[in-house]
Protein backbone atom coordinates (compact mmCIF):
# COMPACT_ATOMS: atom_id res chain seq x y z
CA MET A 1 0.00 0.00 0.00
CA PRO A 2 2.75 2.56 0.71
CA ASP A 3 4.23 1.72 -2.70
CA LEU A 4 0.84 2.35 -4.33
CA ALA A 5 0.50 5.66 -2.49
CA GLN A 6 3.91 6.75 -3.76
CA ARG A 7 3.03 5.69 -7.31
CA VAL A 8 -0.22 7.70 -7.12
CA GLN A 9 1.72 10.73 -5.94
CA HIS A 10 4.17 10.38 -8.83
CA VAL A 11 1.34 9.95 -11.36
CA ARG A 12 -0.30 13.07 -9.99
CA LEU A 13 2.98 14.91 -10.53
CA LEU A 14 3.16 13.60 -14.11
CA LEU A 15 -0.39 14.75 -14.76
CA GLU A 16 0.31 18.24 -13.45
CA THR A 17 3.34 18.63 -15.74
CA LEU A 18 1.92 16.89 -18.82
CA ASN A 19 1.54 20.17 -20.72
CA ASP A 20 4.75 21.82 -19.50
CA PRO A 21 6.74 21.33 -22.75
CA TYR A 22 4.02 22.82 -24.94
CA PRO A 23 4.18 26.54 -25.78
CA THR A 24 1.60 28.94 -24.42
CA PRO A 25 -0.93 29.74 -27.17
CA HIS A 26 -1.09 33.36 -28.31
CA GLY A 27 -3.69 35.09 -30.41
CA ALA A 28 -2.75 35.40 -34.06
CA LEU A 29 -4.78 38.56 -34.62
CA GLU A 30 -4.24 41.87 -32.91
CA PRO A 31 -7.37 44.00 -32.59
CA ASP A 32 -7.14 47.54 -33.93
CA SER A 33 -7.73 50.20 -31.32
CA GLY A 34 -10.32 52.83 -32.08
CA PRO A 35 -13.89 53.93 -31.43
CA ALA A 36 -16.47 51.18 -31.17
CA ALA A 37 -20.22 51.27 -30.81
CA SER A 38 -21.32 50.69 -27.23
CA ARG A 39 -24.45 49.00 -25.98
CA TYR A 40 -25.37 52.16 -24.12
CA VAL A 41 -26.34 55.69 -25.13
CA PRO A 42 -26.79 58.84 -23.04
CA CYS A 43 -30.06 59.10 -21.16
CA GLU A 44 -32.15 61.98 -22.55
CA THR A 45 -34.36 62.15 -19.46
CA CYS A 46 -31.64 63.18 -17.03
CA ARG A 47 -29.09 64.32 -19.62
CA ARG A 48 -26.43 61.97 -18.20
CA THR A 49 -26.77 63.36 -14.66
CA GLY A 50 -28.52 60.31 -13.18
CA SER A 51 -31.19 62.39 -11.40
CA VAL A 52 -34.23 64.47 -12.29
CA LYS A 53 -35.99 67.31 -10.48
CA TRP A 54 -39.52 66.47 -9.42
CA ARG A 55 -41.63 68.61 -7.06
CA ARG A 56 -38.71 70.78 -6.00
CA ALA A 57 -36.62 67.73 -5.11
CA TRP A 58 -34.08 65.67 -6.96
CA ARG A 59 -35.04 62.04 -7.57
CA LEU A 60 -33.23 59.09 -9.08
CA CYS A 61 -33.72 58.86 -12.82
CA LEU A 62 -35.76 55.76 -13.58
CA GLY A 63 -34.75 55.78 -17.24
CA CYS A 64 -31.13 54.89 -16.49
CA ASP A 65 -31.31 53.85 -12.82
CA GLY A 66 -29.12 56.80 -11.87
CA VAL A 67 -26.23 55.80 -14.12
CA GLY A 68 -26.71 58.45 -16.81
CA TRP A 69 -26.52 55.89 -19.62
CA ARG A 70 -29.28 53.56 -20.80
CA ARG A 71 -29.18 50.49 -23.02
CA ARG A 72 -29.36 51.29 -26.73
CA THR A 73 -32.52 50.23 -28.57
CA ARG A 74 -33.42 49.91 -32.24
CA ALA A 75 -35.04 53.33 -32.16
CA ASP A 76 -31.69 55.00 -31.44
CA SER A 77 -30.14 56.09 -34.72
CA VAL A 78 -26.92 57.53 -33.26
CA GLU A 79 -24.29 55.14 -31.97
CA TRP A 80 -22.08 56.22 -29.07
CA ASP A 81 -18.73 55.15 -27.71
CA ALA A 82 -19.40 55.04 -23.97
CA TYR A 83 -15.68 54.92 -23.15
CA ILE A 84 -14.86 58.34 -24.60
CA GLU A 85 -18.49 59.56 -24.29
CA LEU A 86 -18.79 60.76 -27.89
CA PRO A 87 -20.87 59.73 -30.89
CA ILE A 88 -19.07 57.38 -33.25
CA ALA A 89 -19.09 59.97 -36.04
CA GLU A 90 -17.26 62.50 -33.84
CA ALA A 91 -14.97 59.92 -32.24
CA MET A 92 -13.73 58.79 -35.67
CA GLN A 93 -12.49 62.34 -36.35
CA LEU A 94 -10.26 62.48 -33.27
CA PRO A 95 -6.50 62.37 -33.92
CA VAL A 96 -4.91 58.97 -33.38
CA ALA A 97 -1.30 58.31 -32.45
CA ALA A 98 0.71 56.59 -35.15
CA PRO A 99 1.40 52.91 -34.40
CA PRO A 100 5.04 52.00 -33.68
CA ARG A 101 7.01 50.74 -36.65
CA ARG A 102 7.91 47.11 -36.46
CA ARG A 103 11.08 45.69 -37.85
CA ILE A 104 10.60 42.81 -40.23
CA GLU A 105 13.96 41.38 -39.17
CA ALA A 106 12.60 40.75 -35.68
CA SER A 107 10.04 38.31 -37.03
CA LEU A 108 12.67 36.54 -39.11
CA THR A 109 15.10 36.02 -36.23
CA PRO A 110 13.09 34.87 -33.21
CA SER A 111 14.68 34.77 -29.77
CA GLU A 112 14.43 30.97 -29.59
CA PRO A 113 14.73 28.36 -32.35
CA PRO A 114 11.48 27.12 -33.88
CA TYR A 115 9.92 23.95 -32.50
CA ALA A 116 11.93 24.19 -29.28
CA TRP A 117 8.97 22.75 -27.41
CA GLU A 118 9.34 19.51 -29.38
CA MET A 119 12.91 19.10 -28.11
CA GLN A 120 11.72 19.79 -24.57
CA ARG A 121 8.95 17.24 -24.96
CA ARG A 122 11.50 14.62 -26.05
CA VAL A 123 13.47 15.33 -22.87
CA TYR A 124 10.35 14.96 -20.75
CA ASP A 125 9.40 11.71 -22.49
CA ARG A 126 12.96 10.37 -22.10
CA TYR A 127 13.05 10.81 -18.33
CA GLY A 128 9.33 10.43 -17.53
CA SER A 129 6.53 8.01 -18.36
CA TYR A 130 4.49 10.59 -20.24
CA GLY A 131 3.88 8.37 -23.26
CA GLU A 132 2.41 5.63 -21.09
CA LEU A 133 0.44 8.25 -19.18
CA ARG A 134 -1.20 9.47 -22.40
CA LYS A 135 -2.22 5.91 -23.25
CA ALA A 136 -3.69 5.45 -19.78
CA LEU A 137 -5.65 8.68 -20.12
CA SER A 138 -7.04 7.55 -23.49
CA TRP A 139 -8.13 4.29 -21.85
CA LEU A 140 -9.75 6.18 -18.96
CA ALA A 141 -11.65 8.43 -21.39
CA LEU A 142 -13.37 5.34 -22.82
CA GLU A 143 -13.88 3.43 -19.57
CA ALA A 144 -14.88 6.27 -17.23
CA PRO A 145 -15.59 9.57 -19.05
CA LEU A 146 -16.52 11.46 -15.85
CA ARG A 147 -13.33 10.49 -14.06
CA TYR A 148 -11.32 11.37 -17.16
CA ARG A 149 -12.86 14.84 -17.39
CA LEU A 150 -12.19 15.50 -13.71
CA VAL A 151 -8.58 14.33 -13.96
CA ARG A 152 -8.05 16.36 -17.10
CA LEU A 153 -9.60 19.56 -15.77
CA VAL A 154 -8.08 19.53 -12.28
CA HIS A 155 -4.62 17.99 -12.71
CA VAL A 156 -3.75 18.61 -16.38
CA ASP A 157 -5.53 21.88 -17.19
CA HIS A 158 -5.26 23.25 -13.61
CA GLU A 159 -8.85 24.49 -13.55
CA LEU A 160 -10.06 25.85 -10.20
CA LEU A 161 -13.28 23.90 -9.64
CA GLU A 162 -15.57 23.68 -6.64
CA LEU A 163 -15.95 19.91 -6.29
CA GLY A 164 -18.35 18.14 -4.00
CA ARG A 165 -17.54 15.04 -2.00
CA GLY A 166 -18.72 12.70 -4.76
CA HIS A 167 -16.71 14.42 -7.49
CA ARG A 168 -13.60 14.50 -5.29
CA ARG A 169 -13.96 10.77 -4.78
CA GLU A 170 -14.32 10.22 -8.53
CA LEU A 171 -11.25 12.38 -9.11
CA GLU A 172 -9.13 10.32 -6.72
CA LEU A 173 -10.43 7.06 -8.19
CA GLY A 174 -9.54 8.33 -11.65
CA VAL A 175 -5.94 9.00 -10.62
CA VAL A 176 -5.73 5.56 -8.98
CA ALA A 177 -7.15 3.90 -12.13
CA VAL A 178 -4.53 5.64 -14.28
CA THR A 179 -1.81 4.54 -11.83
CA LEU A 180 -2.90 0.89 -11.91
CA ARG A 181 -3.07 1.00 -15.71
CA MET A 182 0.55 2.15 -16.05
CA LYS A 183 3.24 -0.52 -15.88
CA THR A 184 6.07 1.83 -15.01
CA VAL A 185 5.93 5.25 -13.37
CA ARG A 186 9.06 7.32 -13.97
CA VAL A 187 9.23 10.99 -12.99
CA PRO A 188 11.96 13.35 -14.23
CA PRO A 189 14.41 13.96 -11.37
CA TRP A 190 14.13 17.74 -11.58
CA LEU A 191 10.38 17.49 -10.97
CA ILE A 192 10.91 15.36 -7.87
CA GLU A 193 13.40 17.89 -6.52
CA ARG A 194 11.03 20.76 -7.26
CA SER A 195 8.14 18.96 -5.56
CA ALA A 196 10.27 18.19 -2.50
CA ALA A 197 11.36 21.83 -2.28
CA ALA A 198 7.72 22.96 -2.44
CA GLU A 199 6.78 20.53 0.33
CA ARG A 200 9.61 21.84 2.49
CA ARG A 201 8.43 25.40 1.93
CA GLU A 202 4.90 24.47 2.96
CA SER A 203 5.97 22.51 6.05
CA LEU A 204 5.71 24.00 9.50
CA GLU A 205 9.47 24.38 9.86
CA GLY A 206 9.77 25.91 6.39
CA LEU A 207 7.02 28.44 7.03
CA ALA A 208 8.55 29.39 10.37
CA ALA A 209 11.98 29.77 8.79
CA ALA A 210 10.43 32.08 6.20
CA GLY A 211 9.43 34.41 9.04
CA LEU A 212 5.69 33.68 9.19
CA GLY A 213 3.95 34.01 12.54
CA ALA A 214 2.12 31.26 14.36
CA GLY A 215 -1.27 32.64 13.33
CA GLU A 216 -0.45 32.66 9.61
CA ILE A 217 1.13 29.18 9.84
CA ALA A 218 -1.96 27.85 11.62
CA ARG A 219 -4.21 29.30 8.92
CA ARG A 220 -2.18 27.74 6.10
CA LEU A 221 -1.89 24.31 7.72
CA GLY A 222 -5.43 24.24 9.09
CA VAL A 223 -4.45 23.69 12.74
CA SER A 224 -4.80 25.75 15.90
CA LYS A 225 -2.31 28.44 16.86
CA GLU A 226 -1.48 26.64 20.12
CA THR A 227 -0.62 23.48 18.17
CA VAL A 228 1.77 25.47 15.98
CA ARG A 229 3.45 27.04 19.01
CA ARG A 230 3.80 23.66 20.75
CA ARG A 231 5.38 22.06 17.66
CA LEU A 232 7.70 25.03 17.20
CA ARG A 233 8.88 24.72 20.82
CA ALA A 234 9.48 20.99 20.25
CA VAL A 235 11.47 21.69 17.08
CA GLY A 236 13.49 24.33 18.90
CA GLY A 237 14.26 21.91 21.71
CA ARG A 238 15.48 19.22 19.32
CA SER A 239 17.63 21.76 17.49
CA ARG A 240 19.31 22.87 20.73
CA LEU A 241 19.86 19.23 21.68
CA HIS A 242 21.72 18.62 18.40
CA GLY A 243 23.61 21.89 18.67
CA ASN A 244 21.89 23.57 15.72
CA ALA A 245 20.25 26.94 15.46
CA GLY A 246 17.00 25.36 14.30
CA VAL A 247 13.72 27.09 13.84
CA PRO A 248 13.10 30.07 16.11
CA CYS A 249 10.58 29.02 18.73
CA GLY A 250 9.58 32.56 19.56
CA ALA A 251 7.42 32.99 16.44
CA THR A 252 4.16 34.61 17.31
């Protein structure tokens, strides 16, 4: 069972880094800046003030709910740009700054060689079981579509989802099913070192060494402040026994 727990942890690490070699997608088109028709037009009732005078008192304009702008309808013939608060016809006549000149040579000599992500993917596949992981995910997509979608969204795509108890159970069962499907589970050594460093930073001793107080440490670890102080005193006592500086036990 401990071996299975370690394999599940390694598979989870492989899932979280499955898309690391791939480049981040960027939009191919760049929108042109300039006036654009808005969904709103100035309110004629209050003349963009948001209030009207009624019986010697100022009341909230019901035509625009006090905003000064109302939603444009088909009866409105003039389109407005609500950002610059001008009609489109007038906004188009405003002077526009000239766009910066781009050098063609910059596009011909990129900062990194083309298809560098393919070389990085080969390195990942050489030291990790990513190929076998992809096969296991394809199998899971056919056998248990719900578990596959949860594993893909949470661990691969890193989507922040509010999962209930049943979906969390299905997520864990999906990771276990992928683990049992894989014959070998190899993780690149640099990922193991990075994961261990992150665990050390999130440990009680690591948080205390970073200068966090007992209250902040208790909030992050989900324990009481008195528990944090007691463990810090114990760590400080062991450090003095071994002759080390250790973690300061006076963190408050």
